[in-house]
Amino acid sequence: MAKITASVFTSHVPAIGAAMDLGKTQEDYWKPLFAGYEYSKQWMKDNKPDVIFLVYNDHATAFSLEMIPTFAIGTAAEFQPADEGWGPRPVPKVIGHPDLASHIAQSVIQQDFDLTIVNKMDVDHGLTVPLSLMCGELDPKKDAWPCPVIPFAVNVVQYPVPSGKRCFALGQAIRKAVESFDEDLNVHIWGTGGMSHQLQGARAGLINREWDNNWLDLMINDPVACANVPHIDYVREAGSEGIELVMWLIARGAMSDVVDGKVVGPAPTVKHRFYHVPASNTAVGHAILENA
């Protein structure tokens, strides 16, 4: 039986990828941010999964405004880094896990969640930046990511977007799907995006440290209450792009202490937690939880 053993939560700021690709990680501006992921890179080496189920949002790369799936699962054998206007990031291609991805799609759809099945797509910084932060800088000509990755794209770009409660329930459905897969696999689920930031308008550059950290407390310690935070709170307190945080609730809902929408088991262990501003014009949040 496959099993989810840990969840990883991290921002996926595109400028972080650029800093890594251009050799700027030790510059004064960036050094404190990357220091916050040193533990994480070692943890990743010590706890290498067989598969990563990575929840992220596409930034009008694979999907345009002409077609926007709410939830889309990548079932292909491989995914190329996307060209987001300045060439693809110099990172390895992403190897998928078609068998597990197809099984999850079948199971989750039968649990009444409508997924879009994607057999071909490029993956942008939303997916590759978290991999770089957790796995370090790799040479695409000779290196590979440490394991297969299943991309799971969520629409948090164009309204209407899914609620935190819906994402939390989806995480529980994904865990059930993973646990019904007839192969002994160690699976990590990652929730990415956020934290507070706004990219346009009068509040461009908004950072709300207090709200971010209170939300992170709630997500870890009282995920049911966190799942019920309404959209308007994210927009008002964390900026228009702060809504990306609902994707973290998919990963949190997949942890073993949550059953049928309630916290019933022992809480996961917080292995690492980190928060930093600024990174470009956003706040960066990060946490690693291991199932009890």
C-alpha atoms as a PDB file:
ATOM      1  CA  MET A   1       0.000   0.000   0.000  1.00  0.00           C
ATOM      2  CA  ALA A   2       1.236   3.482  -0.842  1.00  0.00           C
ATOM      3  CA  LYS A   3       1.291   5.973   2.006  1.00  0.00           C
ATOM      4  CA  ILE A   4       1.678   9.714   2.468  1.00  0.00           C
ATOM      5  CA  THR A   5       4.374  10.191   5.090  1.00  0.00           C
ATOM      6  CA  ALA A   6       5.013  13.931   4.973  1.00  0.00           C
ATOM      7  CA  SER A   7       3.809  17.250   3.623  1.00  0.00           C
ATOM      8  CA  VAL A   8       5.910  20.186   2.482  1.00  0.00           C
ATOM      9  CA  PHE A   9       4.648  23.745   2.235  1.00  0.00           C
ATOM     10  CA  THR A  10       6.525  26.512   0.470  1.00  0.00           C
ATOM     11  CA  SER A  11       6.185  29.671  -1.546  1.00  0.00           C
ATOM     12  CA  HIS A  12       7.131  29.432  -5.219  1.00  0.00           C
ATOM     13  CA  VAL A  13       8.294  32.979  -5.967  1.00  0.00           C
ATOM     14  CA  PRO A  14       9.703  33.155  -9.539  1.00  0.00           C
ATOM     15  CA  ALA A  15      12.529  35.488  -8.487  1.00  0.00           C
ATOM     16  CA  ILE A  16      13.828  32.730  -6.202  1.00  0.00           C
ATOM     17  CA  GLY A  17      14.361  30.538  -9.232  1.00  0.00           C
ATOM     18  CA  ALA A  18      16.073  33.402 -11.044  1.00  0.00           C
ATOM     19  CA  ALA A  19      18.386  33.986  -8.068  1.00  0.00           C
ATOM     20  CA  MET A  20      19.395  30.319  -8.136  1.00  0.00           C
ATOM     21  CA  ASP A  21      19.804  30.201 -11.908  1.00  0.00           C
ATOM     22  CA  LEU A  22      21.924  33.369 -11.992  1.00  0.00           C
ATOM     23  CA  GLY A  23      24.167  32.420  -9.054  1.00  0.00           C
ATOM     24  CA  LYS A  24      22.879  35.086  -6.662  1.00  0.00           C
ATOM     25  CA  THR A  25      21.954  32.906  -3.678  1.00  0.00           C
ATOM     26  CA  GLN A  26      24.831  34.211  -1.511  1.00  0.00           C
ATOM     27  CA  GLU A  27      24.179  37.876  -2.198  1.00  0.00           C
ATOM     28  CA  ASP A  28      23.162  39.876   0.880  1.00  0.00           C
ATOM     29  CA  TYR A  29      19.567  40.211  -0.295  1.00  0.00           C
ATOM     30  CA  TRP A  30      19.034  36.501  -0.946  1.00  0.00           C
ATOM     31  CA  LYS A  31      21.319  34.788   1.568  1.00  0.00           C
ATOM     32  CA  PRO A  32      18.868  34.866   4.553  1.00  0.00           C
ATOM     33  CA  LEU A  33      16.128  33.310   2.438  1.00  0.00           C
ATOM     34  CA  PHE A  34      18.215  30.411   1.170  1.00  0.00           C
ATOM     35  CA  ALA A  35      19.596  29.809   4.662  1.00  0.00           C
ATOM     36  CA  GLY A  36      16.040  28.974   5.701  1.00  0.00           C
ATOM     37  CA  TYR A  37      16.040  26.011   3.318  1.00  0.00           C
ATOM     38  CA  GLU A  38      19.365  24.447   4.347  1.00  0.00           C
ATOM     39  CA  TYR A  39      17.624  22.183   6.861  1.00  0.00           C
ATOM     40  CA  SER A  40      15.027  21.325   4.235  1.00  0.00           C
ATOM     41  CA  LYS A  41      17.579  20.177   1.661  1.00  0.00           C
ATOM     42  CA  GLN A  42      19.201  17.854   4.177  1.00  0.00           C
ATOM     43  CA  TRP A  43      15.782  16.602   5.343  1.00  0.00           C
ATOM     44  CA  MET A  44      14.937  15.851   1.719  1.00  0.00           C
ATOM     45  CA  LYS A  45      18.102  13.778   1.332  1.00  0.00           C
ATOM     46  CA  ASP A  46      17.400  11.911   4.559  1.00  0.00           C
ATOM     47  CA  ASN A  47      13.719  11.341   3.759  1.00  0.00           C
ATOM     48  CA  LYS A  48      13.726  10.850   0.001  1.00  0.00           C
ATOM     49  CA  PRO A  49      10.242   9.870  -1.185  1.00  0.00           C
ATOM     50  CA  ASP A  50       9.359   7.505  -3.994  1.00  0.00           C
ATOM     51  CA  VAL A  51       6.919  10.053  -5.444  1.00  0.00           C
ATOM     52  CA  ILE A  52       6.074  13.715  -4.845  1.00  0.00           C
ATOM     53  CA  PHE A  53       2.484  14.860  -5.408  1.00  0.00           C
ATOM     54  CA  LEU A  54       3.048  18.558  -5.993  1.00  0.00           C
ATOM     55  CA  VAL A  55       0.169  21.027  -5.768  1.00  0.00           C
ATOM     56  CA  TYR A  56       0.841  24.337  -7.508  1.00  0.00           C
ATOM     57  CA  ASN A  57      -0.821  26.856  -9.796  1.00  0.00           C
ATOM     58  CA  ASP A  58      -0.037  27.406 -13.430  1.00  0.00           C
ATOM     59  CA  HIS A  59       0.728  31.019 -14.324  1.00  0.00           C
ATOM     60  CA  ALA A  60      -0.907  31.175 -17.773  1.00  0.00           C
ATOM     61  CA  THR A  61       1.735  28.834 -19.167  1.00  0.00           C
ATOM     62  CA  ALA A  62       0.065  25.468 -19.700  1.00  0.00           C
ATOM     63  CA  PHE A  63      -3.418  26.991 -19.478  1.00  0.00           C
ATOM     64  CA  SER A  64      -4.489  30.326 -20.923  1.00  0.00           C
ATOM     65  CA  LEU A  65      -7.561  32.369 -20.083  1.00  0.00           C
ATOM     66  CA  GLU A  66      -9.269  30.452 -22.890  1.00  0.00           C
ATOM     67  CA  MET A  67      -9.342  27.268 -20.793  1.00  0.00           C
ATOM     68  CA  ILE A  68      -8.903  27.204 -17.024  1.00  0.00           C
ATOM     69  CA  PRO A  69      -9.450  23.907 -15.177  1.00  0.00           C
ATOM     70  CA  THR A  70     -10.134  24.226 -11.463  1.00  0.00           C
ATOM     71  CA  PHE A  71      -8.144  21.063 -10.671  1.00  0.00           C
ATOM     72  CA  ALA A  72      -5.838  19.403 -13.208  1.00  0.00           C
ATOM     73  CA  ILE A  73      -3.657  16.320 -12.688  1.00  0.00           C
ATOM     74  CA  GLY A  74      -0.648  15.583 -14.852  1.00  0.00           C
ATOM     75  CA  THR A  75      -0.619  11.933 -15.925  1.00  0.00           C
ATOM     76  CA  ALA A  76       2.242  12.070 -18.444  1.00  0.00           C
ATOM     77  CA  ALA A  77       5.560  10.235 -18.232  1.00  0.00           C
ATOM     78  CA  GLU A  78       7.505  13.503 -18.261  1.00  0.00           C
ATOM     79  CA  PHE A  79       7.037  17.267 -18.154  1.00  0.00           C
ATOM     80  CA  GLN A  80       9.380  19.878 -19.610  1.00  0.00           C
ATOM     81  CA  PRO A  81      10.243  23.148 -17.809  1.00  0.00           C
ATOM     82  CA  ALA A  82       8.168  25.908 -19.375  1.00  0.00           C
ATOM     83  CA  ASP A  83       9.389  28.950 -21.254  1.00  0.00           C
ATOM     84  CA  GLU A  84       7.735  31.793 -19.326  1.00  0.00           C
ATOM     85  CA  GLY A  85       9.019  34.491 -21.657  1.00  0.00           C
ATOM     86  CA  TRP A  86      12.764  34.393 -20.963  1.00  0.00           C
ATOM     87  CA  GLY A  87      13.520  30.754 -21.791  1.00  0.00           C
ATOM     88  CA  PRO A  88      12.984  27.591 -19.737  1.00  0.00           C
ATOM     89  CA  ARG A  89      14.714  27.409 -16.354  1.00  0.00           C
ATOM     90  CA  PRO A  90      17.979  25.407 -16.553  1.00  0.00           C
ATOM     91  CA  VAL A  91      16.641  22.559 -14.431  1.00  0.00           C
ATOM     92  CA  PRO A  92      16.036  18.853 -15.152  1.00  0.00           C
ATOM     93  CA  LYS A  93      12.851  17.743 -16.822  1.00  0.00           C
ATOM     94  CA  VAL A  94      10.231  16.381 -14.443  1.00  0.00           C
ATOM     95  CA  ILE A  95       9.643  12.648 -14.591  1.00  0.00           C
ATOM     96  CA  GLY A  96       6.026  11.740 -13.876  1.00  0.00           C
ATOM     97  CA  HIS A  97       4.402   8.651 -12.394  1.00  0.00           C
ATOM     98  CA  PRO A  98       1.591   7.795 -14.844  1.00  0.00           C
ATOM     99  CA  ASP A  99       0.407   4.698 -12.955  1.00  0.00           C
ATOM    100  CA  LEU A 100      -0.107   6.441  -9.616  1.00  0.00           C
ATOM    101  CA  ALA A 101      -1.400   9.626 -11.254  1.00  0.00           C
ATOM    102  CA  SER A 102      -4.000   7.710 -13.259  1.00  0.00           C
ATOM    103  CA  HIS A 103      -5.026   5.763 -10.177  1.00  0.00           C
ATOM    104  CA  ILE A 104      -5.441   8.966  -8.174  1.00  0.00           C
ATOM    105  CA  ALA A 105      -7.512  10.508 -10.962  1.00  0.00           C
ATOM    106  CA  GLN A 106      -9.788   7.466 -11.089  1.00  0.00           C
ATOM    107  CA  SER A 107     -10.207   7.328  -7.311  1.00  0.00           C
ATOM    108  CA  VAL A 108     -10.681  11.057  -6.736  1.00  0.00           C
ATOM    109  CA  ILE A 109     -13.212  11.400  -9.562  1.00  0.00           C
ATOM    110  CA  GLN A 110     -15.139   8.476  -8.088  1.00  0.00           C
ATOM    111  CA  GLN A 111     -15.131  10.428  -4.806  1.00  0.00           C
ATOM    112  CA  ASP A 112     -17.048  13.152  -6.689  1.00  0.00           C
ATOM    113  CA  PHE A 113     -14.217  15.580  -7.407  1.00  0.00           C
ATOM    114  CA  ASP A 114     -14.044  16.670 -11.022  1.00  0.00           C
ATOM    115  CA  LEU A 115     -10.452  16.622 -12.276  1.00  0.00           C
ATOM    116  CA  THR A 116      -9.053  17.566 -15.645  1.00  0.00           C
ATOM    117  CA  ILE A 117      -6.702  14.871 -16.956  1.00  0.00           C
ATOM    118  CA  VAL A 118      -3.627  16.374 -18.612  1.00  0.00           C
ATOM    119  CA  ASN A 119      -1.456  14.081 -20.697  1.00  0.00           C
ATOM    120  CA  LYS A 120       0.888  16.783 -21.967  1.00  0.00           C
ATOM    121  CA  MET A 121       1.917  20.083 -20.418  1.00  0.00           C
ATOM    122  CA  ASP A 122       4.968  22.132 -19.542  1.00  0.00           C
ATOM    123  CA  VAL A 123       5.468  23.062 -15.886  1.00  0.00           C
ATOM    124  CA  ASP A 124       6.377  26.572 -14.804  1.00  0.00           C
ATOM    125  CA  HIS A 125       8.071  28.139 -11.769  1.00  0.00           C
ATOM    126  CA  GLY A 126       5.126  27.192  -9.564  1.00  0.00           C
ATOM    127  CA  LEU A 127       6.427  23.630  -9.681  1.00  0.00           C
ATOM    128  CA  THR A 128      10.134  23.958 -10.443  1.00  0.00           C
ATOM    129  CA  VAL A 129      11.015  26.578  -7.794  1.00  0.00           C
ATOM    130  CA  PRO A 130       9.799  24.383  -4.884  1.00  0.00           C
ATOM    131  CA  LEU A 131      11.787  21.461  -6.306  1.00  0.00           C
ATOM    132  CA  SER A 132      14.895  23.646  -6.521  1.00  0.00           C
ATOM    133  CA  LEU A 133      14.461  24.937  -2.971  1.00  0.00           C
ATOM    134  CA  MET A 134      14.098  21.445  -1.549  1.00  0.00           C
ATOM    135  CA  CYS A 135      16.571  19.590  -3.792  1.00  0.00           C
ATOM    136  CA  GLY A 136      19.209  22.220  -4.512  1.00  0.00           C
ATOM    137  CA  GLU A 137      20.743  23.400  -7.747  1.00  0.00           C
ATOM    138  CA  LEU A 138      20.956  20.624 -10.343  1.00  0.00           C
ATOM    139  CA  ASP A 139      22.562  20.440 -13.760  1.00  0.00           C
ATOM    140  CA  PRO A 140      19.914  19.415 -16.321  1.00  0.00           C
ATOM    141  CA  LYS A 141      22.599  17.814 -18.494  1.00  0.00           C
ATOM    142  CA  LYS A 142      23.721  15.304 -15.881  1.00  0.00           C
ATOM    143  CA  ASP A 143      21.366  15.467 -12.879  1.00  0.00           C
ATOM    144  CA  ALA A 144      17.759  14.469 -12.229  1.00  0.00           C
ATOM    145  CA  TRP A 145      15.189  15.326  -9.599  1.00  0.00           C
ATOM    146  CA  PRO A 146      15.372  12.730  -6.807  1.00  0.00           C
ATOM    147  CA  CYS A 147      12.073  11.018  -7.640  1.00  0.00           C
ATOM    148  CA  PRO A 148       9.040  11.143  -9.943  1.00  0.00           C
ATOM    149  CA  VAL A 149       6.649  14.060  -9.491  1.00  0.00           C
ATOM    150  CA  ILE A 150       2.902  14.217 -10.128  1.00  0.00           C
ATOM    151  CA  PRO A 151       1.930  17.816 -11.006  1.00  0.00           C
ATOM    152  CA  PHE A 152      -1.455  18.938  -9.685  1.00  0.00           C
ATOM    153  CA  ALA A 153      -2.479  22.387 -10.913  1.00  0.00           C
ATOM    154  CA  VAL A 154      -5.141  24.447  -9.117  1.00  0.00           C
ATOM    155  CA  ASN A 155      -6.786  27.553 -10.518  1.00  0.00           C
ATOM    156  CA  VAL A 156      -6.096  30.401  -8.106  1.00  0.00           C
ATOM    157  CA  VAL A 157      -5.528  32.919 -10.902  1.00  0.00           C
ATOM    158  CA  GLN A 158      -8.957  33.585 -12.394  1.00  0.00           C
ATOM    159  CA  TYR A 159     -12.111  33.790 -10.284  1.00  0.00           C
ATOM    160  CA  PRO A 160     -14.038  31.784  -9.331  1.00  0.00           C
ATOM    161  CA  VAL A 161     -11.398  29.822  -7.438  1.00  0.00           C
ATOM    162  CA  PRO A 162     -11.984  26.831  -5.138  1.00  0.00           C
ATOM    163  CA  SER A 163     -12.617  27.434  -1.462  1.00  0.00           C
ATOM    164  CA  GLY A 164     -10.223  26.418   1.277  1.00  0.00           C
ATOM    165  CA  LYS A 165     -12.839  23.977   2.513  1.00  0.00           C
ATOM    166  CA  ARG A 166     -13.042  22.335  -0.916  1.00  0.00           C
ATOM    167  CA  CYS A 167      -9.261  22.071  -1.130  1.00  0.00           C
ATOM    168  CA  PHE A 168      -9.088  20.592   2.370  1.00  0.00           C
ATOM    169  CA  ALA A 169     -11.641  17.936   1.445  1.00  0.00           C
ATOM    170  CA  LEU A 170      -9.778  17.221  -1.782  1.00  0.00           C
ATOM    171  CA  GLY A 171      -6.634  16.506   0.201  1.00  0.00           C
ATOM    172  CA  GLN A 172      -8.497  13.842   2.148  1.00  0.00           C
ATOM    173  CA  ALA A 173      -9.711  12.282  -1.102  1.00  0.00           C
ATOM    174  CA  ILE A 174      -6.161  12.248  -2.460  1.00  0.00           C
ATOM    175  CA  ARG A 175      -4.904  10.457   0.652  1.00  0.00           C
ATOM    176  CA  LYS A 176      -7.589   7.787   0.240  1.00  0.00           C
ATOM    177  CA  ALA A 177      -6.576   7.401  -3.384  1.00  0.00           C
ATOM    178  CA  VAL A 178      -2.893   7.025  -2.524  1.00  0.00           C
ATOM    179  CA  GLU A 179      -3.610   4.495   0.199  1.00  0.00           C
ATOM    180  CA  SER A 180      -5.629   2.349  -2.208  1.00  0.00           C
ATOM    181  CA  PHE A 181      -2.737   2.090  -4.679  1.00  0.00           C
ATOM    182  CA  ASP A 182      -1.406  -1.461  -4.699  1.00  0.00           C
ATOM    183  CA  GLU A 183       2.298  -0.699  -4.480  1.00  0.00           C
ATOM    184  CA  ASP A 184       4.514   0.054  -1.504  1.00  0.00           C
ATOM    185  CA  LEU A 185       5.357   3.715  -2.135  1.00  0.00           C
ATOM    186  CA  ASN A 186       6.464   6.511   0.165  1.00  0.00           C
ATOM    187  CA  VAL A 187       4.631   9.611  -1.063  1.00  0.00           C
ATOM    188  CA  HIS A 188       5.145  13.247  -0.092  1.00  0.00           C
ATOM    189  CA  ILE A 189       2.466  15.829  -0.814  1.00  0.00           C
ATOM    190  CA  TRP A 190       3.524  19.437  -1.309  1.00  0.00           C
ATOM    191  CA  GLY A 191       1.358  22.542  -1.133  1.00  0.00           C
ATOM    192  CA  THR A 192       2.932  25.603  -2.762  1.00  0.00           C
ATOM    193  CA  GLY A 193       2.274  29.290  -3.385  1.00  0.00           C
ATOM    194  CA  GLY A 194       1.668  32.288  -1.128  1.00  0.00           C
ATOM    195  CA  MET A 195       2.142  33.804   1.350  1.00  0.00           C
ATOM    196  CA  SER A 196       0.864  37.392   1.419  1.00  0.00           C
ATOM    197  CA  HIS A 197       1.462  39.374  -1.742  1.00  0.00           C
ATOM    198  CA  GLN A 198      -0.293  41.553  -4.248  1.00  0.00           C
ATOM    199  CA  LEU A 199       1.141  42.173  -7.690  1.00  0.00           C
ATOM    200  CA  GLN A 200      -1.013  45.024  -8.938  1.00  0.00           C
ATOM    201  CA  GLY A 201      -3.204  47.962  -7.988  1.00  0.00           C
ATOM    202  CA  ALA A 202      -3.000  50.415  -5.124  1.00  0.00           C
ATOM    203  CA  ARG A 203      -1.890  47.715  -2.670  1.00  0.00           C
ATOM    204  CA  ALA A 204       0.890  46.264  -4.847  1.00  0.00           C
ATOM    205  CA  GLY A 205       3.699  45.027  -2.641  1.00  0.00           C
ATOM    206  CA  LEU A 206       1.418  44.285   0.329  1.00  0.00           C
ATOM    207  CA  ILE A 207       3.046  42.125   3.042  1.00  0.00           C
ATOM    208  CA  ASN A 208       1.148  41.099   6.178  1.00  0.00           C
ATOM    209  CA  ARG A 209       3.584  39.298   8.492  1.00  0.00           C
ATOM    210  CA  GLU A 210       1.174  38.960  11.401  1.00  0.00           C
ATOM    211  CA  TRP A 211      -1.640  37.471   9.321  1.00  0.00           C
ATOM    212  CA  ASP A 212       0.729  35.113   7.509  1.00  0.00           C
ATOM    213  CA  ASN A 213       2.131  33.653  10.708  1.00  0.00           C
ATOM    214  CA  ASN A 214      -1.259  33.416  12.394  1.00  0.00           C
ATOM    215  CA  TRP A 215      -2.581  31.592   9.327  1.00  0.00           C
ATOM    216  CA  LEU A 216       0.373  29.217   9.408  1.00  0.00           C
ATOM    217  CA  ASP A 217      -0.301  28.509  13.105  1.00  0.00           C
ATOM    218  CA  LEU A 218      -3.920  27.748  12.257  1.00  0.00           C
ATOM    219  CA  MET A 219      -3.069  25.570   9.260  1.00  0.00           C
ATOM    220  CA  ILE A 220      -0.764  23.425  11.379  1.00  0.00           C
ATOM    221  CA  ASN A 221      -2.712  23.280  14.641  1.00  0.00           C
ATOM    222  CA  ASP A 222      -6.380  23.712  13.686  1.00  0.00           C
ATOM    223  CA  PRO A 223      -6.703  22.851   9.981  1.00  0.00           C
ATOM    224  CA  VAL A 224     -10.489  22.551  10.140  1.00  0.00           C
ATOM    225  CA  ALA A 225     -10.810  26.172  11.235  1.00  0.00           C
ATOM    226  CA  CYS A 226      -8.207  27.173   8.671  1.00  0.00           C
ATOM    227  CA  ALA A 227     -10.173  25.458   5.922  1.00  0.00           C
ATOM    228  CA  ASN A 228     -13.175  27.617   6.803  1.00  0.00           C
ATOM    229  CA  VAL A 229     -11.370  30.936   6.354  1.00  0.00           C
ATOM    230  CA  PRO A 230     -13.419  32.731   3.639  1.00  0.00           C
ATOM    231  CA  HIS A 231     -11.975  34.054   0.397  1.00  0.00           C
ATOM    232  CA  ILE A 232     -12.527  37.660   1.388  1.00  0.00           C
ATOM    233  CA  ASP A 233     -10.141  37.259   4.344  1.00  0.00           C
ATOM    234  CA  TYR A 234      -7.335  36.119   2.072  1.00  0.00           C
ATOM    235  CA  VAL A 235      -7.885  39.002  -0.324  1.00  0.00           C
ATOM    236  CA  ARG A 236      -8.268  41.650   2.379  1.00  0.00           C
ATOM    237  CA  GLU A 237      -5.464  40.483   4.660  1.00  0.00           C
ATOM    238  CA  ALA A 238      -2.990  38.733   2.333  1.00  0.00           C
ATOM    239  CA  GLY A 239      -3.537  40.509  -0.974  1.00  0.00           C
ATOM    240  CA  SER A 240      -5.023  39.354  -4.249  1.00  0.00           C
ATOM    241  CA  GLU A 241      -2.398  36.627  -4.728  1.00  0.00           C
ATOM    242  CA  GLY A 242      -2.594  35.487  -1.106  1.00  0.00           C
ATOM    243  CA  ILE A 243      -5.425  33.188  -2.212  1.00  0.00           C
ATOM    244  CA  GLU A 244      -2.698  30.789  -3.369  1.00  0.00           C
ATOM    245  CA  LEU A 245      -2.596  29.602   0.242  1.00  0.00           C
ATOM    246  CA  VAL A 246      -5.715  27.479  -0.277  1.00  0.00           C
ATOM    247  CA  MET A 247      -3.408  25.070  -2.117  1.00  0.00           C
ATOM    248  CA  TRP A 248      -1.576  24.401   1.142  1.00  0.00           C
ATOM    249  CA  LEU A 249      -4.858  23.077   2.509  1.00  0.00           C
ATOM    250  CA  ILE A 250      -4.843  20.252  -0.049  1.00  0.00           C
ATOM    251  CA  ALA A 251      -1.557  19.036   1.405  1.00  0.00           C
ATOM    252  CA  ARG A 252      -2.731  19.587   4.990  1.00  0.00           C
ATOM    253  CA  GLY A 253      -5.982  17.705   4.358  1.00  0.00           C
ATOM    254  CA  ALA A 254      -3.970  14.737   3.106  1.00  0.00           C
ATOM    255  CA  MET A 255      -2.230  14.265   6.461  1.00  0.00           C
ATOM    256  CA  SER A 256      -3.257  11.265   8.544  1.00  0.00           C
ATOM    257  CA  ASP A 257      -4.753  13.184  11.486  1.00  0.00           C
ATOM    258  CA  VAL A 258      -7.657  14.411   9.318  1.00  0.00           C
ATOM    259  CA  VAL A 259     -10.544  12.015   8.681  1.00  0.00           C
ATOM    260  CA  ASP A 260     -13.954  12.942   7.268  1.00  0.00           C
ATOM    261  CA  GLY A 261     -13.299  16.624   7.766  1.00  0.00           C
ATOM    262  CA  LYS A 262     -12.302  16.297  11.419  1.00  0.00           C
ATOM    263  CA  VAL A 263      -9.020  16.087  13.294  1.00  0.00           C
ATOM    264  CA  VAL A 264      -9.139  12.694  14.973  1.00  0.00           C
ATOM    265  CA  GLY A 265      -5.584  11.368  15.064  1.00  0.00           C
ATOM    266  CA  PRO A 266      -2.284  12.473  16.553  1.00  0.00           C
ATOM    267  CA  ALA A 267      -0.991  15.743  15.151  1.00  0.00           C
ATOM    268  CA  PRO A 268       1.828  15.656  12.630  1.00  0.00           C
ATOM    269  CA  THR A 269       5.313  16.602  13.785  1.00  0.00           C
ATOM    270  CA  VAL A 270       6.548  20.003  12.683  1.00  0.00           C
ATOM    271  CA  LYS A 271      10.070  19.287  11.471  1.00  0.00           C
ATOM    272  CA  HIS A 272      10.810  22.766  10.186  1.00  0.00           C
ATOM    273  CA  ARG A 273       9.160  26.152   9.903  1.00  0.00           C
ATOM    274  CA  PHE A 274      10.489  29.291   8.257  1.00  0.00           C
ATOM    275  CA  TYR A 275       9.200  32.727   7.298  1.00  0.00           C
ATOM    276  CA  HIS A 276      11.028  35.524   5.517  1.00  0.00           C
ATOM    277  CA  VAL A 277      10.403  38.872   3.829  1.00  0.00           C
ATOM    278  CA  PRO A 278      11.095  40.165   1.359  1.00  0.00           C
ATOM    279  CA  ALA A 279      11.663  37.912  -1.616  1.00  0.00           C
ATOM    280  CA  SER A 280      10.980  40.118  -4.577  1.00  0.00           C
ATOM    281  CA  ASN A 281       7.641  41.667  -3.539  1.00  0.00           C
ATOM    282  CA  THR A 282       6.271  38.721  -1.571  1.00  0.00           C
ATOM    283  CA  ALA A 283       6.448  36.983   1.784  1.00  0.00           C
ATOM    284  CA  VAL A 284       7.953  33.493   1.837  1.00  0.00           C
ATOM    285  CA  GLY A 285       6.531  30.806   4.103  1.00  0.00           C
ATOM    286  CA  HIS A 286       7.754  27.243   4.530  1.00  0.00           C
ATOM    287  CA  ALA A 287       7.008  24.234   6.714  1.00  0.00           C
ATOM    288  CA  ILE A 288       7.639  20.497   6.779  1.00  0.00           C
ATOM    289  CA  LEU A 289       5.216  18.167   8.587  1.00  0.00           C
ATOM    290  CA  GLU A 290       5.680  14.450   9.152  1.00  0.00           C
ATOM    291  CA  ASN A 291       2.816  12.110   9.912  1.00  0.00           C
ATOM    292  CA  ALA A 292       2.839  10.769  13.466  1.00  0.00           C
END
